[in-house]
PDB file of N, CA and C in Angstrom:
ATOM      1  N   MET A   1       5.392  12.252  -6.174  1.00  0.00           N
ATOM      2  CA  MET A   1       4.617  11.098  -5.755  1.00  0.00           C
ATOM      3  C   MET A   1       3.899  10.526  -6.979  1.00  0.00           C
ATOM      4  N   VAL A   2       3.905   9.205  -7.068  1.00  0.00           N
ATOM      5  CA  VAL A   2       3.211   8.509  -8.141  1.00  0.00           C
ATOM      6  C   VAL A   2       2.129   7.640  -7.508  1.00  0.00           C
ATOM      7  N   ILE A   3       0.876   7.780  -7.959  1.00  0.00           N
ATOM      8  CA  ILE A   3      -0.227   6.943  -7.480  1.00  0.00           C
ATOM      9  C   ILE A   3      -0.497   5.890  -8.544  1.00  0.00           C
ATOM     10  N   ILE A   4      -0.543   4.628  -8.115  1.00  0.00           N
ATOM     11  CA  ILE A   4      -0.700   3.521  -9.050  1.00  0.00           C
ATOM     12  C   ILE A   4      -1.885   2.658  -8.621  1.00  0.00           C
ATOM     13  N   PHE A   5      -2.702   2.283  -9.595  1.00  0.00           N
ATOM     14  CA  PHE A   5      -3.768   1.313  -9.383  1.00  0.00           C
ATOM     15  C   PHE A   5      -3.397   0.073 -10.171  1.00  0.00           C
ATOM     16  N   ILE A   6      -3.465  -1.083  -9.526  1.00  0.00           N
ATOM     17  CA  ILE A   6      -3.093  -2.334 -10.164  1.00  0.00           C
ATOM     18  C   ILE A   6      -4.164  -3.382  -9.844  1.00  0.00           C
ATOM     19  N   ASP A   7      -4.483  -4.217 -10.826  1.00  0.00           N
ATOM     20  CA  ASP A   7      -5.435  -5.310 -10.606  1.00  0.00           C
ATOM     21  C   ASP A   7      -4.674  -6.580 -10.265  1.00  0.00           C
ATOM     22  N   ILE A   8      -4.990  -7.143  -9.111  1.00  0.00           N
ATOM     23  CA  ILE A   8      -4.412  -8.415  -8.684  1.00  0.00           C
ATOM     24  C   ILE A   8      -5.563  -9.324  -8.292  1.00  0.00           C
ATOM     25  N   LYS A   9      -5.677 -10.449  -8.979  1.00  0.00           N
ATOM     26  CA  LYS A   9      -6.739 -11.426  -8.688  1.00  0.00           C
ATOM     27  C   LYS A   9      -8.109 -10.752  -8.645  1.00  0.00           C
ATOM     28  N   ASP A  10      -8.389  -9.898  -9.612  1.00  0.00           N
ATOM     29  CA  ASP A  10      -9.679  -9.214  -9.767  1.00  0.00           C
ATOM     30  C   ASP A  10      -9.997  -8.192  -8.679  1.00  0.00           C
ATOM     31  N   ILE A  11      -9.000  -7.756  -7.935  1.00  0.00           N
ATOM     32  CA  ILE A  11      -9.191  -6.681  -6.966  1.00  0.00           C
ATOM     33  C   ILE A  11      -8.245  -5.545  -7.324  1.00  0.00           C
ATOM     34  N   LYS A  12      -8.790  -4.327  -7.414  1.00  0.00           N
ATOM     35  CA  LYS A  12      -7.981  -3.143  -7.701  1.00  0.00           C
ATOM     36  C   LYS A  12      -7.319  -2.677  -6.408  1.00  0.00           C
ATOM     37  N   LEU A  13      -5.990  -2.624  -6.416  1.00  0.00           N
ATOM     38  CA  LEU A  13      -5.233  -2.129  -5.272  1.00  0.00           C
ATOM     39  C   LEU A  13      -4.590  -0.799  -5.630  1.00  0.00           C
ATOM     40  N   CYS A  14      -4.475   0.074  -4.656  1.00  0.00           N
ATOM     41  CA  CYS A  14      -3.873   1.387  -4.846  1.00  0.00           C
ATOM     42  C   CYS A  14      -2.624   1.499  -3.974  1.00  0.00           C
ATOM     43  N   TYR A  15      -1.565   2.052  -4.565  1.00  0.00           N
ATOM     44  CA  TYR A  15      -0.377   2.350  -3.779  1.00  0.00           C
ATOM     45  C   TYR A  15       0.313   3.588  -4.333  1.00  0.00           C
ATOM     46  N   GLU A  16       1.162   4.178  -3.514  1.00  0.00           N
ATOM     47  CA  GLU A  16       1.918   5.371  -3.893  1.00  0.00           C
ATOM     48  C   GLU A  16       3.406   5.088  -3.743  1.00  0.00           C
ATOM     49  N   ILE A  17       4.184   5.722  -4.613  1.00  0.00           N
ATOM     50  CA  ILE A  17       5.640   5.611  -4.549  1.00  0.00           C
ATOM     51  C   ILE A  17       6.216   7.016  -4.449  1.00  0.00           C
ATOM     52  N   GLU A  18       7.163   7.187  -3.515  1.00  0.00           N
ATOM     53  CA  GLU A  18       7.860   8.464  -3.354  1.00  0.00           C
ATOM     54  C   GLU A  18       9.331   8.196  -3.078  1.00  0.00           C
ATOM     55  N   GLY A  19      10.179   9.085  -3.514  1.00  0.00           N
ATOM     56  CA  GLY A  19      11.589   9.049  -3.160  1.00  0.00           C
ATOM     57  C   GLY A  19      12.431   8.135  -4.020  1.00  0.00           C
ATOM     58  N   GLU A  20      13.708   8.082  -3.662  1.00  0.00           N
ATOM     59  CA  GLU A  20      14.707   7.272  -4.365  1.00  0.00           C
ATOM     60  C   GLU A  20      15.561   6.545  -3.342  1.00  0.00           C
ATOM     61  N   GLY A  21      16.069   5.388  -3.712  1.00  0.00           N
ATOM     62  CA  GLY A  21      16.965   4.645  -2.837  1.00  0.00           C
ATOM     63  C   GLY A  21      16.429   3.269  -2.515  1.00  0.00           C
ATOM     64  N   TYR A  22      16.897   2.724  -1.389  1.00  0.00           N
ATOM     65  CA  TYR A  22      16.497   1.397  -0.947  1.00  0.00           C
ATOM     66  C   TYR A  22      14.985   1.376  -0.709  1.00  0.00           C
ATOM     67  N   PRO A  23      14.259   0.356  -1.224  1.00  0.00           N
ATOM     68  CA  PRO A  23      12.801   0.340  -1.088  1.00  0.00           C
ATOM     69  C   PRO A  23      12.324  -0.018   0.316  1.00  0.00           C
ATOM     70  N   ILE A  24      11.291   0.682   0.755  1.00  0.00           N
ATOM     71  CA  ILE A  24      10.617   0.408   2.023  1.00  0.00           C
ATOM     72  C   ILE A  24       9.121   0.343   1.731  1.00  0.00           C
ATOM     73  N   ILE A  25       8.453  -0.683   2.237  1.00  0.00           N
ATOM     74  CA  ILE A  25       7.002  -0.815   2.082  1.00  0.00           C
ATOM     75  C   ILE A  25       6.356  -0.530   3.426  1.00  0.00           C
ATOM     76  N   LEU A  26       5.447   0.433   3.455  1.00  0.00           N
ATOM     77  CA  LEU A  26       4.725   0.793   4.674  1.00  0.00           C
ATOM     78  C   LEU A  26       3.333   0.169   4.618  1.00  0.00           C
ATOM     79  N   LEU A  27       3.015  -0.676   5.590  1.00  0.00           N
ATOM     80  CA  LEU A  27       1.734  -1.389   5.635  1.00  0.00           C
ATOM     81  C   LEU A  27       0.933  -0.921   6.851  1.00  0.00           C
ATOM     82  N   HIS A  28      -0.238  -0.406   6.587  1.00  0.00           N
ATOM     83  CA  HIS A  28      -1.096   0.100   7.661  1.00  0.00           C
ATOM     84  C   HIS A  28      -1.819  -1.041   8.376  1.00  0.00           C
ATOM     85  N   GLY A  29      -2.356  -0.738   9.540  1.00  0.00           N
ATOM     86  CA  GLY A  29      -3.150  -1.697  10.307  1.00  0.00           C
ATOM     87  C   GLY A  29      -4.596  -1.711   9.842  1.00  0.00           C
ATOM     88  N   TRP A  30      -5.367  -2.644  10.399  1.00  0.00           N
ATOM     89  CA  TRP A  30      -6.779  -2.778  10.041  1.00  0.00           C
ATOM     90  C   TRP A  30      -7.508  -1.488  10.399  1.00  0.00           C
ATOM     91  N   GLY A  31      -8.366  -1.023   9.502  1.00  0.00           N
ATOM     92  CA  GLY A  31      -9.151   0.178   9.732  1.00  0.00           C
ATOM     93  C   GLY A  31      -8.452   1.466   9.342  1.00  0.00           C
ATOM     94  N   ALA A  32      -7.237   1.383   8.841  1.00  0.00           N
ATOM     95  CA  ALA A  32      -6.487   2.578   8.427  1.00  0.00           C
ATOM     96  C   ALA A  32      -6.311   2.555   6.905  1.00  0.00           C
ATOM     97  N   ASN A  33      -5.425   3.390   6.388  1.00  0.00           N
ATOM     98  CA  ASN A  33      -5.107   3.403   4.960  1.00  0.00           C
ATOM     99  C   ASN A  33      -3.707   3.980   4.768  1.00  0.00           C
ATOM    100  N   LYS A  34      -3.284   4.059   3.506  1.00  0.00           N
ATOM    101  CA  LYS A  34      -1.913   4.497   3.206  1.00  0.00           C
ATOM    102  C   LYS A  34      -1.619   5.902   3.715  1.00  0.00           C
ATOM    103  N   ASN A  35      -2.636   6.734   3.851  1.00  0.00           N
ATOM    104  CA  ASN A  35      -2.421   8.109   4.301  1.00  0.00           C
ATOM    105  C   ASN A  35      -1.983   8.190   5.756  1.00  0.00           C
ATOM    106  N   THR A  36      -2.120   7.086   6.492  1.00  0.00           N
ATOM    107  CA  THR A  36      -1.636   7.011   7.868  1.00  0.00           C
ATOM    108  C   THR A  36      -0.158   7.363   7.936  1.00  0.00           C
ATOM    109  N   PHE A  37       0.561   7.065   6.845  1.00  0.00           N
ATOM    110  CA  PHE A  37       2.008   7.222   6.825  1.00  0.00           C
ATOM    111  C   PHE A  37       2.503   8.485   6.114  1.00  0.00           C
ATOM    112  N   ASN A  38       1.642   9.450   5.857  1.00  0.00           N
ATOM    113  CA  ASN A  38       2.063  10.636   5.101  1.00  0.00           C
ATOM    114  C   ASN A  38       3.268  11.344   5.733  1.00  0.00           C
ATOM    115  N   LYS A  39       3.229  11.610   7.025  1.00  0.00           N
ATOM    116  CA  LYS A  39       4.343  12.313   7.678  1.00  0.00           C
ATOM    117  C   LYS A  39       5.615  11.467   7.661  1.00  0.00           C
ATOM    118  N   LEU A  40       5.490  10.187   7.973  1.00  0.00           N
ATOM    119  CA  LEU A  40       6.645   9.293   7.982  1.00  0.00           C
ATOM    120  C   LEU A  40       7.249   9.171   6.586  1.00  0.00           C
ATOM    121  N   ALA A  41       6.396   8.987   5.579  1.00  0.00           N
ATOM    122  CA  ALA A  41       6.880   8.862   4.198  1.00  0.00           C
ATOM    123  C   ALA A  41       7.592  10.132   3.752  1.00  0.00           C
ATOM    124  N   ASN A  42       7.096  11.279   4.189  1.00  0.00           N
ATOM    125  CA  ASN A  42       7.722  12.547   3.835  1.00  0.00           C
ATOM    126  C   ASN A  42       9.155  12.619   4.354  1.00  0.00           C
ATOM    127  N   GLU A  43       9.385  12.063   5.538  1.00  0.00           N
ATOM    128  CA  GLU A  43      10.741  12.033   6.096  1.00  0.00           C
ATOM    129  C   GLU A  43      11.614  10.979   5.409  1.00  0.00           C
ATOM    130  N   LEU A  44      11.042   9.802   5.160  1.00  0.00           N
ATOM    131  CA  LEU A  44      11.811   8.697   4.598  1.00  0.00           C
ATOM    132  C   LEU A  44      12.190   8.886   3.132  1.00  0.00           C
ATOM    133  N   LYS A  45      11.355   9.609   2.382  1.00  0.00           N
ATOM    134  CA  LYS A  45      11.567   9.713   0.936  1.00  0.00           C
ATOM    135  C   LYS A  45      12.873  10.411   0.563  1.00  0.00           C
ATOM    136  N   GLU A  46      13.486  11.101   1.495  1.00  0.00           N
ATOM    137  CA  GLU A  46      14.760  11.757   1.212  1.00  0.00           C
ATOM    138  C   GLU A  46      15.889  10.745   1.043  1.00  0.00           C
ATOM    139  N   ASN A  47      15.740   9.547   1.621  1.00  0.00           N
ATOM    140  CA  ASN A  47      16.798   8.535   1.576  1.00  0.00           C
ATOM    141  C   ASN A  47      16.343   7.176   1.053  1.00  0.00           C
ATOM    142  N   PHE A  48      15.037   6.994   0.897  1.00  0.00           N
ATOM    143  CA  PHE A  48      14.495   5.697   0.515  1.00  0.00           C
ATOM    144  C   PHE A  48      13.429   5.846  -0.572  1.00  0.00           C
ATOM    145  N   LYS A  49      13.172   4.758  -1.291  1.00  0.00           N
ATOM    146  CA  LYS A  49      12.016   4.670  -2.185  1.00  0.00           C
ATOM    147  C   LYS A  49      10.889   4.087  -1.344  1.00  0.00           C
ATOM    148  N   VAL A  50       9.866   4.886  -1.075  1.00  0.00           N
ATOM    149  CA  VAL A  50       8.810   4.535  -0.128  1.00  0.00           C
ATOM    150  C   VAL A  50       7.549   4.105  -0.884  1.00  0.00           C
ATOM    151  N   TYR A  51       7.062   2.921  -0.534  1.00  0.00           N
ATOM    152  CA  TYR A  51       5.805   2.400  -1.075  1.00  0.00           C
ATOM    153  C   TYR A  51       4.765   2.435   0.031  1.00  0.00           C
ATOM    154  N   LYS A  52       3.659   3.142  -0.213  1.00  0.00           N
ATOM    155  CA  LYS A  52       2.529   3.165   0.728  1.00  0.00           C
ATOM    156  C   LYS A  52       1.376   2.439   0.050  1.00  0.00           C
ATOM    157  N   LEU A  53       0.886   1.372   0.669  1.00  0.00           N
ATOM    158  CA  LEU A  53      -0.121   0.507   0.073  1.00  0.00           C
ATOM    159  C   LEU A  53      -1.437   0.612   0.831  1.00  0.00           C
ATOM    160  N   ASP A  54      -2.549   0.709   0.075  1.00  0.00           N
ATOM    161  CA  ASP A  54      -3.878   0.521   0.659  1.00  0.00           C
ATOM    162  C   ASP A  54      -4.192  -0.960   0.562  1.00  0.00           C
ATOM    163  N   LEU A  55      -4.289  -1.631   1.703  1.00  0.00           N
ATOM    164  CA  LEU A  55      -4.624  -3.045   1.710  1.00  0.00           C
ATOM    165  C   LEU A  55      -6.024  -3.257   1.133  1.00  0.00           C
ATOM    166  N   PRO A  56      -6.337  -4.461   0.655  1.00  0.00           N
ATOM    167  CA  PRO A  56      -7.676  -4.726   0.103  1.00  0.00           C
ATOM    168  C   PRO A  56      -8.766  -4.361   1.105  1.00  0.00           C
ATOM    169  N   GLY A  57      -9.736  -3.584   0.629  1.00  0.00           N
ATOM    170  CA  GLY A  57     -10.850  -3.174   1.477  1.00  0.00           C
ATOM    171  C   GLY A  57     -10.629  -1.888   2.238  1.00  0.00           C
ATOM    172  N   PHE A  58      -9.485  -1.233   2.039  1.00  0.00           N
ATOM    173  CA  PHE A  58      -9.174  -0.002   2.755  1.00  0.00           C
ATOM    174  C   PHE A  58      -8.738   1.074   1.785  1.00  0.00           C
ATOM    175  N   GLY A  59      -8.959   2.343   2.161  1.00  0.00           N
ATOM    176  CA  GLY A  59      -8.525   3.461   1.327  1.00  0.00           C
ATOM    177  C   GLY A  59      -9.132   3.383  -0.059  1.00  0.00           C
ATOM    178  N   GLU A  60      -8.276   3.497  -1.069  1.00  0.00           N
ATOM    179  CA  GLU A  60      -8.736   3.501  -2.458  1.00  0.00           C
ATOM    180  C   GLU A  60      -8.701   2.117  -3.106  1.00  0.00           C
ATOM    181  N   SER A  61      -8.397   1.077  -2.342  1.00  0.00           N
ATOM    182  CA  SER A  61      -8.387  -0.285  -2.871  1.00  0.00           C
ATOM    183  C   SER A  61      -9.775  -0.907  -2.761  1.00  0.00           C
ATOM    184  N   ASP A  62     -10.105  -1.795  -3.719  1.00  0.00           N
ATOM    185  CA  ASP A  62     -11.374  -2.512  -3.689  1.00  0.00           C
ATOM    186  C   ASP A  62     -11.400  -3.488  -2.528  1.00  0.00           C
ATOM    187  N   ILE A  63     -12.614  -3.823  -2.109  1.00  0.00           N
ATOM    188  CA  ILE A  63     -12.737  -4.772  -1.007  1.00  0.00           C
ATOM    189  C   ILE A  63     -12.777  -6.211  -1.500  1.00  0.00           C
ATOM    190  N   GLY A  64     -13.402  -6.493  -2.636  1.00  0.00           N
ATOM    191  CA  GLY A  64     -13.496  -7.877  -3.096  1.00  0.00           C
ATOM    192  C   GLY A  64     -14.252  -8.718  -2.093  1.00  0.00           C
ATOM    193  N   LEU A  65     -13.897  -9.966  -1.985  1.00  0.00           N
ATOM    194  CA  LEU A  65     -14.514 -10.872  -1.019  1.00  0.00           C
ATOM    195  C   LEU A  65     -13.874 -10.672   0.339  1.00  0.00           C
ATOM    196  N   PRO A  66     -14.559 -11.083   1.407  1.00  0.00           N
ATOM    197  CA  PRO A  66     -13.882 -11.050   2.709  1.00  0.00           C
ATOM    198  C   PRO A  66     -12.602 -11.878   2.644  1.00  0.00           C
ATOM    199  N   LEU A  67     -11.529 -11.327   3.135  1.00  0.00           N
ATOM    200  CA  LEU A  67     -10.220 -11.963   3.019  1.00  0.00           C
ATOM    201  C   LEU A  67      -9.660 -12.292   4.398  1.00  0.00           C
ATOM    202  N   THR A  68      -8.945 -13.386   4.474  1.00  0.00           N
ATOM    203  CA  THR A  68      -8.212 -13.710   5.695  1.00  0.00           C
ATOM    204  C   THR A  68      -6.899 -12.933   5.682  1.00  0.00           C
ATOM    205  N   VAL A  69      -6.229 -12.905   6.811  1.00  0.00           N
ATOM    206  CA  VAL A  69      -4.919 -12.253   6.894  1.00  0.00           C
ATOM    207  C   VAL A  69      -3.950 -12.923   5.916  1.00  0.00           C
ATOM    208  N   TYR A  70      -4.042 -14.235   5.789  1.00  0.00           N
ATOM    209  CA  TYR A  70      -3.148 -14.965   4.886  1.00  0.00           C
ATOM    210  C   TYR A  70      -3.400 -14.579   3.426  1.00  0.00           C
ATOM    211  N   GLU A  71      -4.657 -14.367   3.061  1.00  0.00           N
ATOM    212  CA  GLU A  71      -4.979 -13.947   1.693  1.00  0.00           C
ATOM    213  C   GLU A  71      -4.481 -12.529   1.425  1.00  0.00           C
ATOM    214  N   VAL A  72      -4.580 -11.653   2.413  1.00  0.00           N
ATOM    215  CA  VAL A  72      -4.043 -10.299   2.267  1.00  0.00           C
ATOM    216  C   VAL A  72      -2.537 -10.369   2.052  1.00  0.00           C
ATOM    217  N   CYS A  73      -1.865 -11.240   2.772  1.00  0.00           N
ATOM    218  CA  CYS A  73      -0.413 -11.434   2.585  1.00  0.00           C
ATOM    219  C   CYS A  73      -0.123 -11.876   1.153  1.00  0.00           C
ATOM    220  N   ASP A  74      -0.948 -12.740   0.596  1.00  0.00           N
ATOM    221  CA  ASP A  74      -0.763 -13.171  -0.797  1.00  0.00           C
ATOM    222  C   ASP A  74      -0.874 -11.988  -1.754  1.00  0.00           C
ATOM    223  N   TYR A  75      -1.827 -11.071  -1.511  1.00  0.00           N
ATOM    224  CA  TYR A  75      -1.963  -9.888  -2.359  1.00  0.00           C
ATOM    225  C   TYR A  75      -0.729  -9.007  -2.265  1.00  0.00           C
ATOM    226  N   ILE A  76      -0.200  -8.840  -1.075  1.00  0.00           N
ATOM    227  CA  ILE A  76       1.008  -8.036  -0.902  1.00  0.00           C
ATOM    228  C   ILE A  76       2.169  -8.674  -1.643  1.00  0.00           C
ATOM    229  N   HIS A  77       2.283  -9.977  -1.547  1.00  0.00           N
ATOM    230  CA  HIS A  77       3.356 -10.692  -2.248  1.00  0.00           C
ATOM    231  C   HIS A  77       3.261 -10.521  -3.754  1.00  0.00           C
ATOM    232  N   GLU A  78       2.051 -10.590  -4.284  1.00  0.00           N
ATOM    233  CA  GLU A  78       1.845 -10.410  -5.736  1.00  0.00           C
ATOM    234  C   GLU A  78       2.292  -9.034  -6.160  1.00  0.00           C
TER     235      GLU A  78
END
């Protein structure tokens, strides 16, 4: 597992990468974090490259300013 911190638009985001193969991005719901998917990622990593992301304001990612759902989508796209 590789843990990565990246700055996007002045907000530090955290994500993890596990496995090899076709990429899959796991996005948690509001009030959760990337660790929500630990069991699922453990199963998927045998066949896929799994990305687990802490959305802005959750887990190990910075909160920054209050963000709309559309702004969070922009961060994911970046």
